[in-house]
Amino acid sequence: MRLYYEALEIVDMNETGEFIRADITDMTDKEKEDTLQAIKDVMSGKEYRLTEHICGHDEGKGCEMKEI
């Protein structure tokens, strides 16, 4: 199972927003905290949705998204 932090900028339908995906699968809690802060820094000033993506595709399962 792979774990990701994802941030998607919320924009009008005809626009393309910024998207960030960071693989946090093998990270320590401190590394995850630093990565999350870096994403928030990049997305600062934008309206965005932040999720933890729990990907089960490698195991033949579905994905689960949890809003942070």
C-alpha atoms as a PDB file:
ATOM      1  CA  MET A   1       0.000   0.000   0.000  1.00  0.00           C
ATOM      2  CA  ARG A   2       1.304   3.431  -0.953  1.00  0.00           C
ATOM      3  CA  LEU A   3       0.518   6.639   0.939  1.00  0.00           C
ATOM      4  CA  TYR A   4       0.454  10.123  -0.556  1.00  0.00           C
ATOM      5  CA  TYR A   5      -0.336  13.665   0.485  1.00  0.00           C
ATOM      6  CA  GLU A   6      -2.187  15.454  -2.292  1.00  0.00           C
ATOM      7  CA  ALA A   7      -3.124  19.096  -2.660  1.00  0.00           C
ATOM      8  CA  LEU A   8      -5.458  20.274  -5.417  1.00  0.00           C
ATOM      9  CA  GLU A   9      -6.091  23.951  -6.016  1.00  0.00           C
ATOM     10  CA  ILE A  10      -9.777  24.830  -6.329  1.00  0.00           C
ATOM     11  CA  VAL A  11     -10.321  26.939  -9.463  1.00  0.00           C
ATOM     12  CA  ASP A  12     -13.065  27.730 -11.988  1.00  0.00           C
ATOM     13  CA  MET A  13     -14.057  24.915 -14.351  1.00  0.00           C
ATOM     14  CA  ASN A  14     -12.174  26.372 -17.332  1.00  0.00           C
ATOM     15  CA  GLU A  15      -8.916  26.774 -15.407  1.00  0.00           C
ATOM     16  CA  THR A  16      -6.205  24.317 -14.470  1.00  0.00           C
ATOM     17  CA  GLY A  17      -5.243  24.433 -10.821  1.00  0.00           C
ATOM     18  CA  GLU A  18      -2.007  23.450  -9.182  1.00  0.00           C
ATOM     19  CA  PHE A  19      -1.685  19.808  -8.094  1.00  0.00           C
ATOM     20  CA  ILE A  20       0.903  18.374  -5.728  1.00  0.00           C
ATOM     21  CA  ARG A  21       1.377  14.692  -4.874  1.00  0.00           C
ATOM     22  CA  ALA A  22       4.048  13.667  -2.363  1.00  0.00           C
ATOM     23  CA  ASP A  23       4.818   9.995  -1.723  1.00  0.00           C
ATOM     24  CA  ILE A  24       4.970   9.569   2.065  1.00  0.00           C
ATOM     25  CA  THR A  25       4.929   5.754   2.133  1.00  0.00           C
ATOM     26  CA  ASP A  26       8.213   5.138   3.946  1.00  0.00           C
ATOM     27  CA  MET A  27       8.529   8.464   5.764  1.00  0.00           C
ATOM     28  CA  THR A  28       8.888   8.979   9.491  1.00  0.00           C
ATOM     29  CA  ASP A  29       6.286  11.081  11.305  1.00  0.00           C
ATOM     30  CA  LYS A  30       8.743  14.008  11.304  1.00  0.00           C
ATOM     31  CA  GLU A  31       9.335  13.689   7.556  1.00  0.00           C
ATOM     32  CA  LYS A  32       5.562  13.561   6.969  1.00  0.00           C
ATOM     33  CA  GLU A  33       5.102  16.671   9.112  1.00  0.00           C
ATOM     34  CA  ASP A  34       7.826  18.517   7.166  1.00  0.00           C
ATOM     35  CA  THR A  35       6.356  17.419   3.835  1.00  0.00           C
ATOM     36  CA  LEU A  36       2.882  18.550   4.830  1.00  0.00           C
ATOM     37  CA  GLN A  37       4.240  21.941   5.876  1.00  0.00           C
ATOM     38  CA  ALA A  38       6.118  22.283   2.565  1.00  0.00           C
ATOM     39  CA  ILE A  39       2.899  21.578   0.652  1.00  0.00           C
ATOM     40  CA  LYS A  40       1.039  24.165   2.728  1.00  0.00           C
ATOM     41  CA  ASP A  41       3.818  26.681   2.036  1.00  0.00           C
ATOM     42  CA  VAL A  42       3.579  26.118  -1.733  1.00  0.00           C
ATOM     43  CA  MET A  43      -0.221  26.364  -1.689  1.00  0.00           C
ATOM     44  CA  SER A  44      -0.265  29.421   0.587  1.00  0.00           C
ATOM     45  CA  GLY A  45      -2.685  32.085  -0.619  1.00  0.00           C
ATOM     46  CA  LYS A  46      -4.640  29.593  -2.738  1.00  0.00           C
ATOM     47  CA  GLU A  47      -7.884  27.812  -2.046  1.00  0.00           C
ATOM     48  CA  TYR A  48      -7.124  24.091  -2.103  1.00  0.00           C
ATOM     49  CA  ARG A  49      -8.141  20.648  -0.910  1.00  0.00           C
ATOM     50  CA  LEU A  50      -5.604  18.611   1.043  1.00  0.00           C
ATOM     51  CA  THR A  51      -5.990  14.832   1.274  1.00  0.00           C
ATOM     52  CA  GLU A  52      -4.166  11.722   2.349  1.00  0.00           C
ATOM     53  CA  HIS A  53      -4.428   9.206  -0.489  1.00  0.00           C
ATOM     54  CA  ILE A  54      -4.220   5.594   0.647  1.00  0.00           C
ATOM     55  CA  CYS A  55      -3.565   3.700  -2.586  1.00  0.00           C
ATOM     56  CA  GLY A  56      -4.313  -0.002  -2.727  1.00  0.00           C
ATOM     57  CA  HIS A  57      -3.742  -0.517  -6.469  1.00  0.00           C
ATOM     58  CA  ASP A  58      -0.529  -2.514  -5.977  1.00  0.00           C
ATOM     59  CA  GLU A  59      -2.554  -5.001  -3.911  1.00  0.00           C
ATOM     60  CA  GLY A  60      -5.503  -5.074  -6.333  1.00  0.00           C
ATOM     61  CA  LYS A  61      -7.639  -2.965  -3.973  1.00  0.00           C
ATOM     62  CA  GLY A  62      -9.280   0.410  -4.283  1.00  0.00           C
ATOM     63  CA  CYS A  63      -8.064   3.732  -2.947  1.00  0.00           C
ATOM     64  CA  GLU A  64      -9.249   5.669   0.067  1.00  0.00           C
ATOM     65  CA  MET A  65      -9.063   9.466   0.345  1.00  0.00           C
ATOM     66  CA  LYS A  66      -9.054  11.201   3.717  1.00  0.00           C
ATOM     67  CA  GLU A  67      -9.370  14.966   3.902  1.00  0.00           C
ATOM     68  CA  ILE A  68      -6.719  16.549   6.101  1.00  0.00           C
END
